[in-house]
């Protein structure tokens, strides 16, 4: 049976969406990921673009409020931004919680290519952290 992972971020627009897509693509044999936010906004188009570059389609993903998962049982919760760590919902109980802080690529400034490079760096950092923690676990 696959382990259920919830990835939390404030907006559920970039980092948590990227992590969900990576887990459900590269680690799908052992894990199923879901993502949500404490203050969800639309999925960032740059996140969609950098995921498409590696063959993962998150274009149909929707940002969700963490409350939609109130009655779902998870094996692990991972927060990927400091705000989500601070506001981790009480209903999640005593299950393992991990905080992997990543800078928010949505705050990047510059040309489209420069901003895309920030999103790529974030995507790759999240992937490396996932490989380190989910492979052989």
N, C-alpha and C. Protein backbone atom coordinates (compact mmCIF):
# COMPACT_ATOMS: atom_id res chain seq x y z
N UNK A 1 0.83 -1.18 0.00
CA UNK A 1 0.00 0.00 0.00
C UNK A 1 0.88 1.25 0.00
N UNK A 2 0.51 2.23 -0.83
CA UNK A 2 1.31 3.45 -0.94
C UNK A 2 1.16 4.32 0.30
N UNK A 3 2.27 4.93 0.70
CA UNK A 3 2.23 5.89 1.79
C UNK A 3 1.63 7.20 1.26
N UNK A 4 0.78 7.80 2.07
CA UNK A 4 0.10 9.04 1.70
C UNK A 4 0.86 10.23 2.30
N UNK A 5 1.24 11.18 1.43
CA UNK A 5 2.01 12.34 1.87
C UNK A 5 1.21 13.60 1.56
N UNK A 6 1.14 14.50 2.52
CA UNK A 6 0.54 15.82 2.32
C UNK A 6 1.65 16.85 2.33
N UNK A 7 1.72 17.65 1.27
CA UNK A 7 2.71 18.72 1.19
C UNK A 7 1.98 20.04 1.40
N UNK A 8 2.43 20.80 2.38
CA UNK A 8 1.78 22.06 2.72
C UNK A 8 2.66 23.26 2.40
N UNK A 9 2.02 24.29 1.91
CA UNK A 9 2.65 25.57 1.65
C UNK A 9 1.58 26.63 1.85
N UNK A 10 1.94 27.85 1.91
CA UNK A 10 0.94 28.89 2.14
C UNK A 10 -0.04 28.99 0.98
N UNK A 11 0.49 29.25 -0.23
CA UNK A 11 -0.38 29.49 -1.38
C UNK A 11 -0.76 28.27 -2.18
N UNK A 12 -0.06 27.15 -1.99
CA UNK A 12 -0.29 25.95 -2.79
C UNK A 12 -0.26 26.29 -4.28
N UNK A 13 0.73 27.11 -4.64
CA UNK A 13 0.82 27.55 -6.03
C UNK A 13 2.12 27.16 -6.71
N UNK A 14 3.19 26.97 -5.95
CA UNK A 14 4.50 26.67 -6.55
C UNK A 14 5.15 25.45 -5.92
N UNK A 15 5.79 25.66 -4.77
CA UNK A 15 6.62 24.62 -4.16
C UNK A 15 5.85 23.35 -3.85
N UNK A 16 4.69 23.47 -3.24
CA UNK A 16 3.92 22.27 -2.90
C UNK A 16 3.37 21.58 -4.14
N UNK A 17 3.01 22.35 -5.15
CA UNK A 17 2.54 21.78 -6.41
C UNK A 17 3.67 21.03 -7.12
N UNK A 18 4.86 21.62 -7.11
CA UNK A 18 6.03 20.98 -7.70
C UNK A 18 6.33 19.67 -6.98
N UNK A 19 6.35 19.72 -5.65
CA UNK A 19 6.64 18.50 -4.87
C UNK A 19 5.61 17.42 -5.12
N UNK A 20 4.33 17.79 -5.16
CA UNK A 20 3.28 16.82 -5.44
C UNK A 20 3.51 16.16 -6.80
N UNK A 21 3.79 16.98 -7.80
CA UNK A 21 4.02 16.44 -9.15
C UNK A 21 5.23 15.52 -9.22
N UNK A 22 6.30 15.90 -8.55
CA UNK A 22 7.52 15.08 -8.55
C UNK A 22 7.28 13.74 -7.86
N UNK A 23 6.63 13.76 -6.71
CA UNK A 23 6.38 12.51 -5.98
C UNK A 23 5.48 11.60 -6.80
N UNK A 24 4.40 12.15 -7.33
CA UNK A 24 3.44 11.33 -8.07
C UNK A 24 3.97 10.84 -9.41
N UNK A 25 5.07 11.41 -9.86
CA UNK A 25 5.70 10.95 -11.10
C UNK A 25 6.86 9.98 -10.82
N UNK A 26 7.82 10.44 -10.03
CA UNK A 26 9.05 9.67 -9.84
C UNK A 26 8.97 8.63 -8.71
N UNK A 27 8.07 8.82 -7.77
CA UNK A 27 8.01 7.94 -6.60
C UNK A 27 6.65 7.26 -6.48
N UNK A 28 5.92 7.19 -7.58
CA UNK A 28 4.52 6.72 -7.57
C UNK A 28 4.35 5.27 -7.16
N UNK A 29 5.40 4.47 -7.23
CA UNK A 29 5.27 3.07 -6.83
C UNK A 29 5.06 2.92 -5.32
N UNK A 30 5.61 3.86 -4.54
CA UNK A 30 5.56 3.75 -3.09
C UNK A 30 4.79 4.86 -2.38
N UNK A 31 4.53 5.97 -3.10
CA UNK A 31 3.92 7.13 -2.46
C UNK A 31 2.83 7.73 -3.32
N UNK A 32 1.87 8.35 -2.65
CA UNK A 32 0.88 9.18 -3.32
C UNK A 32 0.87 10.52 -2.58
N UNK A 33 1.05 11.60 -3.34
CA UNK A 33 1.16 12.92 -2.74
C UNK A 33 -0.07 13.77 -3.04
N UNK A 34 -0.35 14.63 -2.08
CA UNK A 34 -1.41 15.63 -2.19
C UNK A 34 -0.80 16.93 -1.69
N UNK A 35 -1.30 18.04 -2.19
CA UNK A 35 -0.80 19.32 -1.69
C UNK A 35 -1.95 20.25 -1.36
N UNK A 36 -1.66 21.17 -0.45
CA UNK A 36 -2.66 22.14 -0.03
C UNK A 36 -1.96 23.35 0.56
N UNK A 37 -2.76 24.38 0.80
CA UNK A 37 -2.21 25.60 1.37
C UNK A 37 -3.10 26.17 2.45
N UNK A 38 -2.51 26.99 3.29
CA UNK A 38 -3.28 27.66 4.33
C UNK A 38 -4.00 28.89 3.76
N UNK A 39 -3.53 29.38 2.63
CA UNK A 39 -4.15 30.53 1.96
C UNK A 39 -3.97 30.33 0.45
N UNK A 40 -4.68 29.35 -0.13
CA UNK A 40 -4.41 28.97 -1.51
C UNK A 40 -4.74 30.05 -2.54
N UNK A 41 -3.88 30.10 -3.56
CA UNK A 41 -4.06 30.97 -4.73
C UNK A 41 -3.88 30.09 -5.96
N UNK A 42 -4.05 30.62 -7.13
CA UNK A 42 -3.95 29.83 -8.36
C UNK A 42 -2.56 29.22 -8.53
N UNK A 43 -2.51 28.07 -9.20
CA UNK A 43 -1.24 27.43 -9.52
C UNK A 43 -0.45 28.37 -10.42
N UNK A 44 0.81 28.59 -10.08
CA UNK A 44 1.65 29.53 -10.81
C UNK A 44 2.02 28.96 -12.19
N UNK A 45 1.80 29.73 -13.26
CA UNK A 45 2.10 29.25 -14.61
C UNK A 45 3.58 28.88 -14.81
N UNK A 46 4.47 29.55 -14.08
CA UNK A 46 5.90 29.22 -14.19
C UNK A 46 6.18 27.84 -13.60
N UNK A 47 5.47 27.47 -12.55
CA UNK A 47 5.61 26.12 -11.98
C UNK A 47 5.15 25.10 -12.99
N UNK A 48 4.04 25.38 -13.65
CA UNK A 48 3.52 24.48 -14.69
C UNK A 48 4.56 24.32 -15.80
N UNK A 49 5.16 25.42 -16.19
CA UNK A 49 6.12 25.42 -17.30
C UNK A 49 7.38 24.61 -16.97
N UNK A 50 7.95 24.81 -15.78
CA UNK A 50 9.19 24.08 -15.46
C UNK A 50 8.94 22.60 -15.21
N UNK A 51 7.74 22.26 -14.78
CA UNK A 51 7.41 20.85 -14.63
C UNK A 51 7.21 20.20 -16.01
N UNK A 52 6.60 20.92 -16.93
CA UNK A 52 6.42 20.40 -18.30
C UNK A 52 7.77 20.15 -18.96
N UNK A 53 8.76 20.95 -18.62
CA UNK A 53 10.11 20.76 -19.18
C UNK A 53 10.68 19.39 -18.87
N UNK A 54 10.25 18.80 -17.76
CA UNK A 54 10.76 17.47 -17.39
C UNK A 54 9.68 16.39 -17.58
N UNK A 55 8.66 16.74 -18.34
CA UNK A 55 7.65 15.74 -18.71
C UNK A 55 6.55 15.49 -17.70
N UNK A 56 6.33 16.43 -16.78
CA UNK A 56 5.29 16.28 -15.77
C UNK A 56 4.25 17.37 -15.98
N UNK A 57 3.01 16.95 -16.19
CA UNK A 57 1.92 17.90 -16.46
C UNK A 57 1.15 18.19 -15.17
N UNK A 58 1.30 19.42 -14.67
CA UNK A 58 0.51 19.84 -13.51
C UNK A 58 -0.47 20.94 -13.91
N UNK A 59 -0.71 21.07 -15.20
CA UNK A 59 -1.55 22.16 -15.71
C UNK A 59 -3.01 22.05 -15.26
N UNK A 60 -3.43 20.87 -14.90
CA UNK A 60 -4.82 20.70 -14.44
C UNK A 60 -4.94 20.71 -12.92
N UNK A 61 -3.80 20.84 -12.23
CA UNK A 61 -3.82 20.92 -10.77
C UNK A 61 -4.56 22.17 -10.32
N UNK A 62 -5.19 22.07 -9.18
CA UNK A 62 -5.88 23.19 -8.56
C UNK A 62 -5.31 23.42 -7.16
N UNK A 63 -5.21 24.67 -6.78
CA UNK A 63 -4.81 24.98 -5.41
C UNK A 63 -5.97 24.63 -4.49
N UNK A 64 -5.62 24.04 -3.35
CA UNK A 64 -6.64 23.59 -2.41
C UNK A 64 -6.33 24.10 -1.00
N UNK A 65 -7.36 24.38 -0.25
CA UNK A 65 -7.18 24.74 1.15
C UNK A 65 -6.96 23.46 1.94
N UNK A 66 -6.11 23.52 2.94
CA UNK A 66 -5.78 22.35 3.74
C UNK A 66 -7.01 21.72 4.38
N UNK A 67 -8.04 22.51 4.62
CA UNK A 67 -9.25 21.98 5.25
C UNK A 67 -9.93 20.88 4.44
N UNK A 68 -9.71 20.85 3.12
CA UNK A 68 -10.35 19.80 2.30
C UNK A 68 -9.83 18.41 2.67
N UNK A 69 -8.69 18.36 3.36
CA UNK A 69 -8.10 17.08 3.75
C UNK A 69 -8.33 16.76 5.23
N UNK A 70 -9.23 17.48 5.86
CA UNK A 70 -9.45 17.31 7.30
C UNK A 70 -9.77 15.87 7.70
N UNK A 71 -10.47 15.14 6.86
CA UNK A 71 -10.85 13.77 7.21
C UNK A 71 -10.02 12.70 6.50
N UNK A 72 -8.95 13.10 5.83
CA UNK A 72 -8.09 12.13 5.14
C UNK A 72 -6.92 11.76 6.04
N UNK A 73 -6.56 10.50 6.01
CA UNK A 73 -5.45 10.00 6.83
C UNK A 73 -4.17 10.05 6.01
N UNK A 74 -3.13 10.65 6.58
CA UNK A 74 -1.82 10.73 5.93
C UNK A 74 -0.78 10.01 6.77
N UNK A 75 0.26 9.55 6.10
CA UNK A 75 1.38 8.93 6.79
C UNK A 75 2.43 9.97 7.19
N UNK A 76 2.51 11.04 6.40
CA UNK A 76 3.54 12.05 6.60
C UNK A 76 3.04 13.40 6.09
N UNK A 77 3.47 14.46 6.76
CA UNK A 77 3.21 15.82 6.29
C UNK A 77 4.56 16.50 6.10
N UNK A 78 4.70 17.18 4.97
CA UNK A 78 5.92 17.93 4.68
C UNK A 78 5.52 19.38 4.42
N UNK A 79 6.07 20.30 5.19
CA UNK A 79 5.88 21.71 4.90
C UNK A 79 7.08 22.19 4.09
N UNK A 80 6.80 23.03 3.10
CA UNK A 80 7.87 23.50 2.21
C UNK A 80 8.06 25.01 2.28
N UNK A 81 7.36 25.65 3.22
CA UNK A 81 7.59 27.08 3.46
C UNK A 81 7.40 27.35 4.95
N UNK A 82 8.05 28.39 5.43
CA UNK A 82 8.03 28.67 6.86
C UNK A 82 6.63 29.00 7.38
N UNK A 83 5.83 29.72 6.60
CA UNK A 83 4.48 30.06 7.05
C UNK A 83 3.64 28.80 7.26
N UNK A 84 3.74 27.84 6.36
CA UNK A 84 2.97 26.60 6.50
C UNK A 84 3.44 25.81 7.72
N UNK A 85 4.72 25.86 7.99
CA UNK A 85 5.24 25.16 9.18
C UNK A 85 4.61 25.72 10.44
N UNK A 86 4.51 27.04 10.50
CA UNK A 86 3.96 27.68 11.69
C UNK A 86 2.46 27.43 11.84
N UNK A 87 1.77 27.26 10.72
CA UNK A 87 0.31 27.11 10.79
C UNK A 87 -0.14 25.69 10.45
N UNK A 88 0.72 24.71 10.70
CA UNK A 88 0.38 23.32 10.40
C UNK A 88 -0.88 22.93 11.17
N UNK A 89 -1.89 22.47 10.47
CA UNK A 89 -3.19 22.22 11.10
C UNK A 89 -3.13 21.23 12.25
N UNK A 90 -3.87 21.52 13.28
CA UNK A 90 -3.93 20.66 14.47
C UNK A 90 -4.55 19.31 14.12
N UNK A 91 -5.50 19.27 13.18
CA UNK A 91 -6.20 18.02 12.89
C UNK A 91 -5.28 16.94 12.36
N UNK A 92 -4.07 17.29 11.98
CA UNK A 92 -3.16 16.29 11.42
C UNK A 92 -2.61 15.36 12.50
N UNK A 93 -2.79 15.71 13.75
CA UNK A 93 -2.42 14.81 14.83
C UNK A 93 -0.93 14.62 15.01
N UNK A 94 -0.56 13.41 15.43
CA UNK A 94 0.82 13.13 15.81
C UNK A 94 1.63 12.43 14.72
N UNK A 95 1.17 12.44 13.48
CA UNK A 95 1.93 11.79 12.43
C UNK A 95 3.23 12.53 12.16
N UNK A 96 4.19 11.86 11.52
CA UNK A 96 5.48 12.51 11.26
C UNK A 96 5.32 13.76 10.40
N UNK A 97 5.95 14.85 10.85
CA UNK A 97 5.92 16.11 10.12
C UNK A 97 7.37 16.55 9.88
N UNK A 98 7.63 16.97 8.66
CA UNK A 98 8.97 17.42 8.29
C UNK A 98 8.86 18.81 7.68
N UNK A 99 9.85 19.63 7.97
CA UNK A 99 9.89 20.95 7.36
C UNK A 99 11.12 21.04 6.46
N UNK A 100 10.84 21.26 5.18
CA UNK A 100 11.89 21.48 4.19
C UNK A 100 11.66 22.87 3.61
N UNK A 101 12.32 23.84 4.14
CA UNK A 101 12.12 25.22 3.68
C UNK A 101 12.81 25.48 2.35
N UNK A 102 12.05 25.96 1.41
CA UNK A 102 12.58 26.36 0.10
C UNK A 102 12.15 27.80 -0.14
N UNK A 103 13.04 28.59 -0.74
CA UNK A 103 12.68 29.96 -1.08
C UNK A 103 11.52 29.95 -2.07
N UNK A 104 10.68 30.96 -2.00
CA UNK A 104 9.51 31.05 -2.86
C UNK A 104 9.93 31.58 -4.24
N UNK A 105 9.86 30.75 -5.28
CA UNK A 105 10.26 31.22 -6.60
C UNK A 105 9.31 32.28 -7.16
N UNK A 106 8.10 32.36 -6.62
CA UNK A 106 7.14 33.35 -7.11
C UNK A 106 7.58 34.78 -6.81
N UNK A 107 8.55 34.94 -5.92
CA UNK A 107 9.04 36.29 -5.59
C UNK A 107 10.20 36.71 -6.49
N UNK A 108 10.62 35.83 -7.41
CA UNK A 108 11.76 36.13 -8.28
C UNK A 108 11.46 37.32 -9.19
N UNK A 109 12.47 38.10 -9.45
CA UNK A 109 12.37 39.27 -10.34
C UNK A 109 13.34 39.09 -11.50
N UNK A 110 13.05 39.75 -12.59
CA UNK A 110 13.94 39.72 -13.74
C UNK A 110 13.19 39.39 -15.01
N UNK A 111 13.97 38.96 -16.01
CA UNK A 111 13.37 38.56 -17.28
C UNK A 111 12.64 37.23 -17.08
N UNK A 112 11.84 36.86 -18.05
CA UNK A 112 11.14 35.58 -17.95
C UNK A 112 12.13 34.44 -17.79
N UNK A 113 13.22 34.49 -18.54
CA UNK A 113 14.22 33.42 -18.45
C UNK A 113 14.88 33.39 -17.07
N UNK A 114 15.16 34.54 -16.50
CA UNK A 114 15.76 34.59 -15.16
C UNK A 114 14.79 34.03 -14.12
N UNK A 115 13.52 34.37 -14.26
CA UNK A 115 12.51 33.85 -13.33
C UNK A 115 12.36 32.34 -13.50
N UNK A 116 12.33 31.89 -14.75
CA UNK A 116 12.25 30.44 -15.00
C UNK A 116 13.44 29.71 -14.38
N UNK A 117 14.60 30.32 -14.43
CA UNK A 117 15.79 29.69 -13.83
C UNK A 117 15.64 29.54 -12.32
N UNK A 118 15.00 30.51 -11.67
CA UNK A 118 14.74 30.40 -10.23
C UNK A 118 13.77 29.25 -9.98
N UNK A 119 12.72 29.15 -10.79
CA UNK A 119 11.77 28.04 -10.65
C UNK A 119 12.46 26.69 -10.91
N UNK A 120 13.34 26.64 -11.90
CA UNK A 120 14.07 25.39 -12.18
C UNK A 120 14.94 24.99 -10.99
N UNK A 121 15.61 25.97 -10.42
CA UNK A 121 16.47 25.70 -9.26
C UNK A 121 15.64 25.16 -8.10
N UNK A 122 14.48 25.77 -7.87
CA UNK A 122 13.59 25.30 -6.80
C UNK A 122 13.11 23.88 -7.09
N UNK A 123 12.67 23.65 -8.33
CA UNK A 123 12.21 22.29 -8.73
C UNK A 123 13.31 21.27 -8.48
N UNK A 124 14.52 21.58 -8.90
CA UNK A 124 15.64 20.64 -8.76
C UNK A 124 16.03 20.44 -7.31
N UNK A 125 15.94 21.49 -6.50
CA UNK A 125 16.24 21.36 -5.07
C UNK A 125 15.21 20.47 -4.38
N UNK A 126 13.95 20.65 -4.73
CA UNK A 126 12.89 19.80 -4.16
C UNK A 126 13.10 18.36 -4.59
N UNK A 127 13.42 18.14 -5.87
CA UNK A 127 13.65 16.78 -6.36
C UNK A 127 14.81 16.12 -5.63
N UNK A 128 15.90 16.84 -5.43
CA UNK A 128 17.06 16.28 -4.74
C UNK A 128 16.71 15.93 -3.29
N UNK A 129 15.92 16.76 -2.63
CA UNK A 129 15.51 16.48 -1.25
C UNK A 129 14.60 15.24 -1.22
N UNK A 130 13.70 15.13 -2.20
CA UNK A 130 12.83 13.95 -2.29
C UNK A 130 13.64 12.68 -2.53
N UNK A 131 14.59 12.74 -3.45
CA UNK A 131 15.44 11.56 -3.73
C UNK A 131 16.17 11.12 -2.48
N UNK A 132 16.69 12.07 -1.75
CA UNK A 132 17.45 11.78 -0.54
C UNK A 132 16.57 11.13 0.53
N UNK A 133 15.32 11.57 0.61
CA UNK A 133 14.44 11.13 1.70
C UNK A 133 13.46 10.03 1.35
N UNK A 134 13.11 9.86 0.08
CA UNK A 134 12.10 8.87 -0.28
C UNK A 134 12.67 7.62 -0.94
N UNK A 135 13.86 7.71 -1.45
CA UNK A 135 14.47 6.54 -2.07
C UNK A 135 14.87 5.55 -0.98
N UNK A 136 14.46 4.31 -1.15
CA UNK A 136 14.79 3.23 -0.20
C UNK A 136 14.22 3.46 1.20
N UNK A 137 13.13 4.21 1.31
CA UNK A 137 12.56 4.38 2.67
C UNK A 137 11.31 3.57 2.82
